[in-house]
Amino acid sequence: MAPEGTRSPGSDLGRFKKGAFRIAMAAGVPLVPIVIHDAGRVLPQGGWIMRSGVVNVSVLAPLETNDWSLDALDQKVEEIEAAYRLELSRR
């Protein structure tokens, strides 16, 4: 699931929504953050035709959710969003 809930306009990372995180927490399954780099170069938002190009993908370490609580969910989402932003800044 995309943590932004939808495709973000432009190339900036959008704010994360909590739905995917709540589902993982309720199911007691780990989250595996997958960061997609430069997808907008291959298929710009609103585009219908894909362009030739390279899209890099970073798979971050799985995050256990079985000890998460609703009280701490906002903080967890912020931490994961920060990890995405850090990974995106590396390329």
PDB file of N, CA and C in Angstrom:
ATOM      1  N   MET A   1       0.839  -1.179   0.000  1.00  0.00           N
ATOM      2  CA  MET A   1       0.000   0.000   0.000  1.00  0.00           C
ATOM      3  C   MET A   1       0.880   1.238   0.000  1.00  0.00           C
ATOM      4  N   ALA A   2       0.442   2.230  -0.681  1.00  0.00           N
ATOM      5  CA  ALA A   2       1.174   3.490  -0.693  1.00  0.00           C
ATOM      6  C   ALA A   2       0.866   4.269   0.585  1.00  0.00           C
ATOM      7  N   PRO A   3       1.879   4.634   1.342  1.00  0.00           N
ATOM      8  CA  PRO A   3       1.629   5.319   2.608  1.00  0.00           C
ATOM      9  C   PRO A   3       1.021   6.708   2.438  1.00  0.00           C
ATOM     10  N   GLU A   4       1.145   7.280   1.243  1.00  0.00           N
ATOM     11  CA  GLU A   4       0.562   8.594   1.010  1.00  0.00           C
ATOM     12  C   GLU A   4      -0.935   8.497   0.717  1.00  0.00           C
ATOM     13  N   GLY A   5      -1.430   7.308   0.488  1.00  0.00           N
ATOM     14  CA  GLY A   5      -2.853   7.109   0.226  1.00  0.00           C
ATOM     15  C   GLY A   5      -3.230   7.318  -1.226  1.00  0.00           C
ATOM     16  N   THR A   6      -2.449   8.097  -1.950  1.00  0.00           N
ATOM     17  CA  THR A   6      -2.686   8.371  -3.357  1.00  0.00           C
ATOM     18  C   THR A   6      -1.382   8.885  -3.936  1.00  0.00           C
ATOM     19  N   ARG A   7      -1.342   9.007  -5.217  1.00  0.00           N
ATOM     20  CA  ARG A   7      -0.132   9.548  -5.838  1.00  0.00           C
ATOM     21  C   ARG A   7      -0.016  11.027  -5.502  1.00  0.00           C
ATOM     22  N   SER A   8       1.168  11.436  -5.074  1.00  0.00           N
ATOM     23  CA  SER A   8       1.343  12.836  -4.695  1.00  0.00           C
ATOM     24  C   SER A   8       1.589  13.683  -5.940  1.00  0.00           C
ATOM     25  N   PRO A   9       1.085  14.919  -5.919  1.00  0.00           N
ATOM     26  CA  PRO A   9       1.329  15.803  -7.054  1.00  0.00           C
ATOM     27  C   PRO A   9       2.792  16.212  -7.094  1.00  0.00           C
ATOM     28  N   GLY A  10       3.366  16.229  -8.263  1.00  0.00           N
ATOM     29  CA  GLY A  10       4.765  16.610  -8.389  1.00  0.00           C
ATOM     30  C   GLY A  10       5.696  15.522  -7.897  1.00  0.00           C
ATOM     31  N   SER A  11       6.926  15.904  -7.641  1.00  0.00           N
ATOM     32  CA  SER A  11       7.929  14.923  -7.231  1.00  0.00           C
ATOM     33  C   SER A  11       8.153  14.873  -5.723  1.00  0.00           C
ATOM     34  N   ASP A  12       7.495  15.756  -4.982  1.00  0.00           N
ATOM     35  CA  ASP A  12       7.671  15.772  -3.529  1.00  0.00           C
ATOM     36  C   ASP A  12       6.880  14.646  -2.872  1.00  0.00           C
ATOM     37  N   LEU A  13       7.436  14.117  -1.813  1.00  0.00           N
ATOM     38  CA  LEU A  13       6.758  13.092  -1.031  1.00  0.00           C
ATOM     39  C   LEU A  13       5.598  13.735  -0.281  1.00  0.00           C
ATOM     40  N   GLY A  14       4.420  13.142  -0.385  1.00  0.00           N
ATOM     41  CA  GLY A  14       3.254  13.665   0.323  1.00  0.00           C
ATOM     42  C   GLY A  14       3.237  13.208   1.769  1.00  0.00           C
ATOM     43  N   ARG A  15       2.351  13.788   2.545  1.00  0.00           N
ATOM     44  CA  ARG A  15       2.196  13.379   3.945  1.00  0.00           C
ATOM     45  C   ARG A  15       1.623  11.976   3.995  1.00  0.00           C
ATOM     46  N   PHE A  16       2.091  11.194   4.943  1.00  0.00           N
ATOM     47  CA  PHE A  16       1.639   9.822   5.067  1.00  0.00           C
ATOM     48  C   PHE A  16       0.282   9.752   5.754  1.00  0.00           C
ATOM     49  N   LYS A  17      -0.553   8.879   5.263  1.00  0.00           N
ATOM     50  CA  LYS A  17      -1.834   8.576   5.888  1.00  0.00           C
ATOM     51  C   LYS A  17      -1.630   7.373   6.805  1.00  0.00           C
ATOM     52  N   LYS A  18      -2.529   7.157   7.734  1.00  0.00           N
ATOM     53  CA  LYS A  18      -2.325   6.102   8.734  1.00  0.00           C
ATOM     54  C   LYS A  18      -2.966   4.758   8.381  1.00  0.00           C
ATOM     55  N   GLY A  19      -3.761   4.688   7.325  1.00  0.00           N
ATOM     56  CA  GLY A  19      -4.520   3.474   7.025  1.00  0.00           C
ATOM     57  C   GLY A  19      -3.690   2.215   6.913  1.00  0.00           C
ATOM     58  N   ALA A  20      -2.650   2.233   6.100  1.00  0.00           N
ATOM     59  CA  ALA A  20      -1.813   1.039   5.917  1.00  0.00           C
ATOM     60  C   ALA A  20      -1.126   0.646   7.225  1.00  0.00           C
ATOM     61  N   PHE A  21      -0.766   1.634   8.008  1.00  0.00           N
ATOM     62  CA  PHE A  21      -0.095   1.371   9.276  1.00  0.00           C
ATOM     63  C   PHE A  21      -1.064   0.758  10.290  1.00  0.00           C
ATOM     64  N   ARG A  22      -2.304   1.237  10.291  1.00  0.00           N
ATOM     65  CA  ARG A  22      -3.331   0.676  11.187  1.00  0.00           C
ATOM     66  C   ARG A  22      -3.627  -0.778  10.822  1.00  0.00           C
ATOM     67  N   ILE A  23      -3.701  -1.057   9.519  1.00  0.00           N
ATOM     68  CA  ILE A  23      -3.980  -2.423   9.069  1.00  0.00           C
ATOM     69  C   ILE A  23      -2.856  -3.358   9.503  1.00  0.00           C
ATOM     70  N   ALA A  24      -1.612  -2.951   9.297  1.00  0.00           N
ATOM     71  CA  ALA A  24      -0.478  -3.789   9.696  1.00  0.00           C
ATOM     72  C   ALA A  24      -0.469  -3.995  11.203  1.00  0.00           C
ATOM     73  N   MET A  25      -0.749  -2.942  11.944  1.00  0.00           N
ATOM     74  CA  MET A  25      -0.771  -3.032  13.405  1.00  0.00           C
ATOM     75  C   MET A  25      -1.880  -3.981  13.861  1.00  0.00           C
ATOM     76  N   ALA A  26      -3.071  -3.849  13.288  1.00  0.00           N
ATOM     77  CA  ALA A  26      -4.197  -4.706  13.674  1.00  0.00           C
ATOM     78  C   ALA A  26      -3.935  -6.166  13.321  1.00  0.00           C
ATOM     79  N   ALA A  27      -3.261  -6.395  12.210  1.00  0.00           N
ATOM     80  CA  ALA A  27      -2.955  -7.764  11.782  1.00  0.00           C
ATOM     81  C   ALA A  27      -1.743  -8.330  12.502  1.00  0.00           C
ATOM     82  N   GLY A  28      -0.957  -7.460  13.146  1.00  0.00           N
ATOM     83  CA  GLY A  28       0.243  -7.912  13.846  1.00  0.00           C
ATOM     84  C   GLY A  28       1.333  -8.388  12.905  1.00  0.00           C
ATOM     85  N   VAL A  29       1.384  -7.779  11.716  1.00  0.00           N
ATOM     86  CA  VAL A  29       2.388  -8.167  10.728  1.00  0.00           C
ATOM     87  C   VAL A  29       3.408  -7.044  10.575  1.00  0.00           C
ATOM     88  N   PRO A  30       4.615  -7.382  10.167  1.00  0.00           N
ATOM     89  CA  PRO A  30       5.621  -6.339   9.978  1.00  0.00           C
ATOM     90  C   PRO A  30       5.333  -5.506   8.731  1.00  0.00           C
ATOM     91  N   LEU A  31       5.813  -4.288   8.759  1.00  0.00           N
ATOM     92  CA  LEU A  31       5.789  -3.415   7.590  1.00  0.00           C
ATOM     93  C   LEU A  31       7.146  -3.510   6.911  1.00  0.00           C
ATOM     94  N   VAL A  32       7.147  -3.566   5.611  1.00  0.00           N
ATOM     95  CA  VAL A  32       8.393  -3.532   4.851  1.00  0.00           C
ATOM     96  C   VAL A  32       8.349  -2.261   4.002  1.00  0.00           C
ATOM     97  N   PRO A  33       9.028  -1.203   4.434  1.00  0.00           N
ATOM     98  CA  PRO A  33       9.020   0.044   3.673  1.00  0.00           C
ATOM     99  C   PRO A  33       9.771  -0.116   2.353  1.00  0.00           C
ATOM    100  N   ILE A  34       9.103   0.241   1.273  1.00  0.00           N
ATOM    101  CA  ILE A  34       9.697   0.189  -0.058  1.00  0.00           C
ATOM    102  C   ILE A  34       9.643   1.599  -0.629  1.00  0.00           C
ATOM    103  N   VAL A  35      10.807   2.150  -0.910  1.00  0.00           N
ATOM    104  CA  VAL A  35      10.918   3.524  -1.396  1.00  0.00           C
ATOM    105  C   VAL A  35      11.198   3.473  -2.897  1.00  0.00           C
ATOM    106  N   ILE A  36      10.337   4.110  -3.671  1.00  0.00           N
ATOM    107  CA  ILE A  36      10.483   4.131  -5.130  1.00  0.00           C
ATOM    108  C   ILE A  36      11.056   5.482  -5.527  1.00  0.00           C
ATOM    109  N   HIS A  37      12.175   5.448  -6.228  1.00  0.00           N
ATOM    110  CA  HIS A  37      12.870   6.664  -6.649  1.00  0.00           C
ATOM    111  C   HIS A  37      12.576   6.958  -8.124  1.00  0.00           C
ATOM    112  N   ASP A  38      12.294   8.200  -8.444  1.00  0.00           N
ATOM    113  CA  ASP A  38      12.203   8.698  -9.824  1.00  0.00           C
ATOM    114  C   ASP A  38      11.106   8.076 -10.677  1.00  0.00           C
ATOM    115  N   ALA A  39      10.050   7.576 -10.074  1.00  0.00           N
ATOM    116  CA  ALA A  39       8.950   7.005 -10.860  1.00  0.00           C
ATOM    117  C   ALA A  39       8.286   8.065 -11.732  1.00  0.00           C
ATOM    118  N   GLY A  40       8.277   9.300 -11.285  1.00  0.00           N
ATOM    119  CA  GLY A  40       7.666  10.380 -12.052  1.00  0.00           C
ATOM    120  C   GLY A  40       8.359  10.664 -13.369  1.00  0.00           C
ATOM    121  N   ARG A  41       9.607  10.256 -13.487  1.00  0.00           N
ATOM    122  CA  ARG A  41      10.314  10.440 -14.757  1.00  0.00           C
ATOM    123  C   ARG A  41       9.831   9.439 -15.799  1.00  0.00           C
ATOM    124  N   VAL A  42       9.395   8.288 -15.345  1.00  0.00           N
ATOM    125  CA  VAL A  42       8.936   7.237 -16.256  1.00  0.00           C
ATOM    126  C   VAL A  42       7.457   7.425 -16.592  1.00  0.00           C
ATOM    127  N   LEU A  43       6.668   7.787 -15.593  1.00  0.00           N
ATOM    128  CA  LEU A  43       5.242   8.050 -15.811  1.00  0.00           C
ATOM    129  C   LEU A  43       4.843   9.261 -14.983  1.00  0.00           C
ATOM    130  N   PRO A  44       4.897  10.453 -15.603  1.00  0.00           N
ATOM    131  CA  PRO A  44       4.519  11.659 -14.865  1.00  0.00           C
ATOM    132  C   PRO A  44       3.053  11.594 -14.440  1.00  0.00           C
ATOM    133  N   GLN A  45       2.735  12.273 -13.365  1.00  0.00           N
ATOM    134  CA  GLN A  45       1.355  12.284 -12.894  1.00  0.00           C
ATOM    135  C   GLN A  45       0.446  12.800 -14.003  1.00  0.00           C
ATOM    136  N   GLY A  46      -0.653  12.100 -14.217  1.00  0.00           N
ATOM    137  CA  GLY A  46      -1.594  12.461 -15.267  1.00  0.00           C
ATOM    138  C   GLY A  46      -1.203  11.931 -16.632  1.00  0.00           C
ATOM    139  N   GLY A  47      -0.014  11.336 -16.723  1.00  0.00           N
ATOM    140  CA  GLY A  47       0.449  10.807 -18.002  1.00  0.00           C
ATOM    141  C   GLY A  47      -0.220   9.483 -18.341  1.00  0.00           C
ATOM    142  N   TRP A  48      -0.262   9.187 -19.608  1.00  0.00           N
ATOM    143  CA  TRP A  48      -0.859   7.939 -20.080  1.00  0.00           C
ATOM    144  C   TRP A  48       0.171   7.024 -20.727  1.00  0.00           C
ATOM    145  N   ILE A  49       1.296   7.602 -21.102  1.00  0.00           N
ATOM    146  CA  ILE A  49       2.320   6.825 -21.813  1.00  0.00           C
ATOM    147  C   ILE A  49       3.592   6.814 -20.973  1.00  0.00           C
ATOM    148  N   MET A  50       4.085   5.601 -20.706  1.00  0.00           N
ATOM    149  CA  MET A  50       5.328   5.476 -19.944  1.00  0.00           C
ATOM    150  C   MET A  50       6.520   5.805 -20.840  1.00  0.00           C
ATOM    151  N   ARG A  51       7.486   6.440 -20.235  1.00  0.00           N
ATOM    152  CA  ARG A  51       8.735   6.762 -20.928  1.00  0.00           C
ATOM    153  C   ARG A  51       9.789   5.736 -20.539  1.00  0.00           C
ATOM    154  N   SER A  52      10.773   5.608 -21.378  1.00  0.00           N
ATOM    155  CA  SER A  52      11.902   4.746 -21.049  1.00  0.00           C
ATOM    156  C   SER A  52      12.699   5.397 -19.922  1.00  0.00           C
ATOM    157  N   GLY A  53      13.170   4.597 -18.999  1.00  0.00           N
ATOM    158  CA  GLY A  53      13.952   5.155 -17.909  1.00  0.00           C
ATOM    159  C   GLY A  53      14.245   4.124 -16.842  1.00  0.00           C
ATOM    160  N   VAL A  54      14.956   4.561 -15.844  1.00  0.00           N
ATOM    161  CA  VAL A  54      15.338   3.693 -14.735  1.00  0.00           C
ATOM    162  C   VAL A  54      14.611   4.155 -13.481  1.00  0.00           C
ATOM    163  N   VAL A  55      14.004   3.220 -12.804  1.00  0.00           N
ATOM    164  CA  VAL A  55      13.373   3.484 -11.518  1.00  0.00           C
ATOM    165  C   VAL A  55      14.094   2.629 -10.491  1.00  0.00           C
ATOM    166  N   ASN A  56      14.690   3.266  -9.515  1.00  0.00           N
ATOM    167  CA  ASN A  56      15.374   2.541  -8.449  1.00  0.00           C
ATOM    168  C   ASN A  56      14.427   2.319  -7.284  1.00  0.00           C
ATOM    169  N   VAL A  57      14.603   1.204  -6.626  1.00  0.00           N
ATOM    170  CA  VAL A  57      13.765   0.835  -5.498  1.00  0.00           C
ATOM    171  C   VAL A  57      14.669   0.493  -4.317  1.00  0.00           C
ATOM    172  N   SER A  58      14.359   1.057  -3.153  1.00  0.00           N
ATOM    173  CA  SER A  58      15.076   0.727  -1.922  1.00  0.00           C
ATOM    174  C   SER A  58      14.119  -0.024  -1.005  1.00  0.00           C
ATOM    175  N   VAL A  59      14.537  -1.180  -0.542  1.00  0.00           N
ATOM    176  CA  VAL A  59      13.743  -1.954   0.408  1.00  0.00           C
ATOM    177  C   VAL A  59      14.408  -1.796   1.771  1.00  0.00           C
ATOM    178  N   LEU A  60      13.694  -1.146   2.679  1.00  0.00           N
ATOM    179  CA  LEU A  60      14.238  -0.903   4.011  1.00  0.00           C
ATOM    180  C   LEU A  60      13.948  -2.096   4.920  1.00  0.00           C
ATOM    181  N   ALA A  61      14.567  -2.100   6.054  1.00  0.00           N
ATOM    182  CA  ALA A  61      14.410  -3.201   7.006  1.00  0.00           C
ATOM    183  C   ALA A  61      12.953  -3.319   7.462  1.00  0.00           C
ATOM    184  N   PRO A  62      12.448  -4.538   7.616  1.00  0.00           N
ATOM    185  CA  PRO A  62      11.081  -4.720   8.118  1.00  0.00           C
ATOM    186  C   PRO A  62      10.931  -4.132   9.519  1.00  0.00           C
ATOM    187  N   LEU A  63       9.741  -3.625   9.788  1.00  0.00           N
ATOM    188  CA  LEU A  63       9.431  -3.025  11.084  1.00  0.00           C
ATOM    189  C   LEU A  63       8.326  -3.833  11.750  1.00  0.00           C
ATOM    190  N   GLU A  64       8.607  -4.363  12.898  1.00  0.00           N
ATOM    191  CA  GLU A  64       7.594  -5.121  13.632  1.00  0.00           C
ATOM    192  C   GLU A  64       6.531  -4.159  14.152  1.00  0.00           C
ATOM    193  N   THR A  65       5.280  -4.567  14.080  1.00  0.00           N
ATOM    194  CA  THR A  65       4.175  -3.717  14.519  1.00  0.00           C
ATOM    195  C   THR A  65       3.405  -4.317  15.691  1.00  0.00           C
ATOM    196  N   ASN A  66       3.757  -5.533  16.096  1.00  0.00           N
ATOM    197  CA  ASN A  66       2.958  -6.219  17.124  1.00  0.00           C
ATOM    198  C   ASN A  66       3.016  -5.539  18.491  1.00  0.00           C
ATOM    199  N   ASP A  67       3.972  -4.640  18.709  1.00  0.00           N
ATOM    200  CA  ASP A  67       4.021  -3.932  19.990  1.00  0.00           C
ATOM    201  C   ASP A  67       3.569  -2.467  19.857  1.00  0.00           C
ATOM    202  N   TRP A  68       3.019  -2.092  18.699  1.00  0.00           N
ATOM    203  CA  TRP A  68       2.535  -0.737  18.496  1.00  0.00           C
ATOM    204  C   TRP A  68       1.198  -0.545  19.200  1.00  0.00           C
ATOM    205  N   SER A  69       0.901   0.709  19.541  1.00  0.00           N
ATOM    206  CA  SER A  69      -0.402   1.050  20.118  1.00  0.00           C
ATOM    207  C   SER A  69      -0.974   2.240  19.348  1.00  0.00           C
ATOM    208  N   LEU A  70      -2.276   2.420  19.444  1.00  0.00           N
ATOM    209  CA  LEU A  70      -2.900   3.569  18.787  1.00  0.00           C
ATOM    210  C   LEU A  70      -2.361   4.879  19.326  1.00  0.00           C
ATOM    211  N   ASP A  71      -2.009   4.908  20.606  1.00  0.00           N
ATOM    212  CA  ASP A  71      -1.464   6.128  21.208  1.00  0.00           C
ATOM    213  C   ASP A  71      -0.130   6.530  20.584  1.00  0.00           C
ATOM    214  N   ALA A  72       0.638   5.553  20.135  1.00  0.00           N
ATOM    215  CA  ALA A  72       1.964   5.817  19.574  1.00  0.00           C
ATOM    216  C   ALA A  72       1.973   5.814  18.053  1.00  0.00           C
ATOM    217  N   LEU A  73       0.824   5.589  17.432  1.00  0.00           N
ATOM    218  CA  LEU A  73       0.783   5.432  15.982  1.00  0.00           C
ATOM    219  C   LEU A  73       1.269   6.669  15.238  1.00  0.00           C
ATOM    220  N   ASP A  74       0.837   7.844  15.656  1.00  0.00           N
ATOM    221  CA  ASP A  74       1.278   9.068  14.984  1.00  0.00           C
ATOM    222  C   ASP A  74       2.800   9.179  14.981  1.00  0.00           C
ATOM    223  N   GLN A  75       3.424   8.886  16.094  1.00  0.00           N
ATOM    224  CA  GLN A  75       4.882   8.958  16.198  1.00  0.00           C
ATOM    225  C   GLN A  75       5.546   7.933  15.278  1.00  0.00           C
ATOM    226  N   LYS A  76       5.007   6.719  15.229  1.00  0.00           N
ATOM    227  CA  LYS A  76       5.563   5.673  14.360  1.00  0.00           C
ATOM    228  C   LYS A  76       5.480   6.094  12.893  1.00  0.00           C
ATOM    229  N   VAL A  77       4.335   6.642  12.493  1.00  0.00           N
ATOM    230  CA  VAL A  77       4.160   7.086  11.113  1.00  0.00           C
ATOM    231  C   VAL A  77       5.153   8.197  10.793  1.00  0.00           C
ATOM    232  N   GLU A  78       5.341   9.138  11.702  1.00  0.00           N
ATOM    233  CA  GLU A  78       6.312  10.216  11.497  1.00  0.00           C
ATOM    234  C   GLU A  78       7.723   9.673  11.343  1.00  0.00           C
ATOM    235  N   GLU A  79       8.077   8.671  12.141  1.00  0.00           N
ATOM    236  CA  GLU A  79       9.415   8.072  12.056  1.00  0.00           C
ATOM    237  C   GLU A  79       9.628   7.393  10.707  1.00  0.00           C
ATOM    238  N   ILE A  80       8.615   6.689  10.236  1.00  0.00           N
ATOM    239  CA  ILE A  80       8.744   5.991   8.956  1.00  0.00           C
ATOM    240  C   ILE A  80       8.785   6.994   7.810  1.00  0.00           C
ATOM    241  N   GLU A  81       7.975   8.035   7.898  1.00  0.00           N
ATOM    242  CA  GLU A  81       8.014   9.080   6.875  1.00  0.00           C
ATOM    243  C   GLU A  81       9.402   9.722   6.831  1.00  0.00           C
ATOM    244  N   ALA A  82      10.000   9.963   7.978  1.00  0.00           N
ATOM    245  CA  ALA A  82      11.354  10.531   8.037  1.00  0.00           C
ATOM    246  C   ALA A  82      12.363   9.590   7.393  1.00  0.00           C
ATOM    247  N   ALA A  83      12.199   8.293   7.599  1.00  0.00           N
ATOM    248  CA  ALA A  83      13.092   7.308   6.987  1.00  0.00           C
ATOM    249  C   ALA A  83      12.952   7.332   5.465  1.00  0.00           C
ATOM    250  N   TYR A  84      11.720   7.476   4.958  1.00  0.00           N
ATOM    251  CA  TYR A  84      11.502   7.593   3.514  1.00  0.00           C
ATOM    252  C   TYR A  84      12.211   8.835   2.979  1.00  0.00           C
ATOM    253  N   ARG A  85      12.016   9.964   3.665  1.00  0.00           N
ATOM    254  CA  ARG A  85      12.625  11.212   3.202  1.00  0.00           C
ATOM    255  C   ARG A  85      14.153  11.113   3.191  1.00  0.00           C
ATOM    256  N   LEU A  86      14.718  10.487   4.210  1.00  0.00           N
ATOM    257  CA  LEU A  86      16.163  10.297   4.263  1.00  0.00           C
ATOM    258  C   LEU A  86      16.627   9.433   3.096  1.00  0.00           C
ATOM    259  N   GLU A  87      15.924   8.344   2.849  1.00  0.00           N
ATOM    260  CA  GLU A  87      16.308   7.450   1.745  1.00  0.00           C
ATOM    261  C   GLU A  87      16.188   8.159   0.397  1.00  0.00           C
ATOM    262  N   LEU A  88      15.143   8.955   0.208  1.00  0.00           N
ATOM    263  CA  LEU A  88      14.989   9.691  -1.042  1.00  0.00           C
ATOM    264  C   LEU A  88      16.085  10.724  -1.237  1.00  0.00           C
ATOM    265  N   SER A  89      16.586  11.299  -0.140  1.00  0.00           N
ATOM    266  CA  SER A  89      17.639  12.313  -0.256  1.00  0.00           C
ATOM    267  C   SER A  89      18.990  11.723  -0.632  1.00  0.00           C
ATOM    268  N   ARG A  90      19.132  10.428  -0.509  1.00  0.00           N
ATOM    269  CA  ARG A  90      20.411   9.761  -0.813  1.00  0.00           C
ATOM    270  C   ARG A  90      20.629   9.562  -2.307  1.00  0.00           C
ATOM    271  N   ARG A  91      19.616   9.790  -3.117  1.00  0.00           N
ATOM    272  CA  ARG A  91      19.760   9.587  -4.571  1.00  0.00           C
ATOM    273  C   ARG A  91      19.421  10.845  -5.302  1.00  0.00           C
TER     274      ARG A  91
END
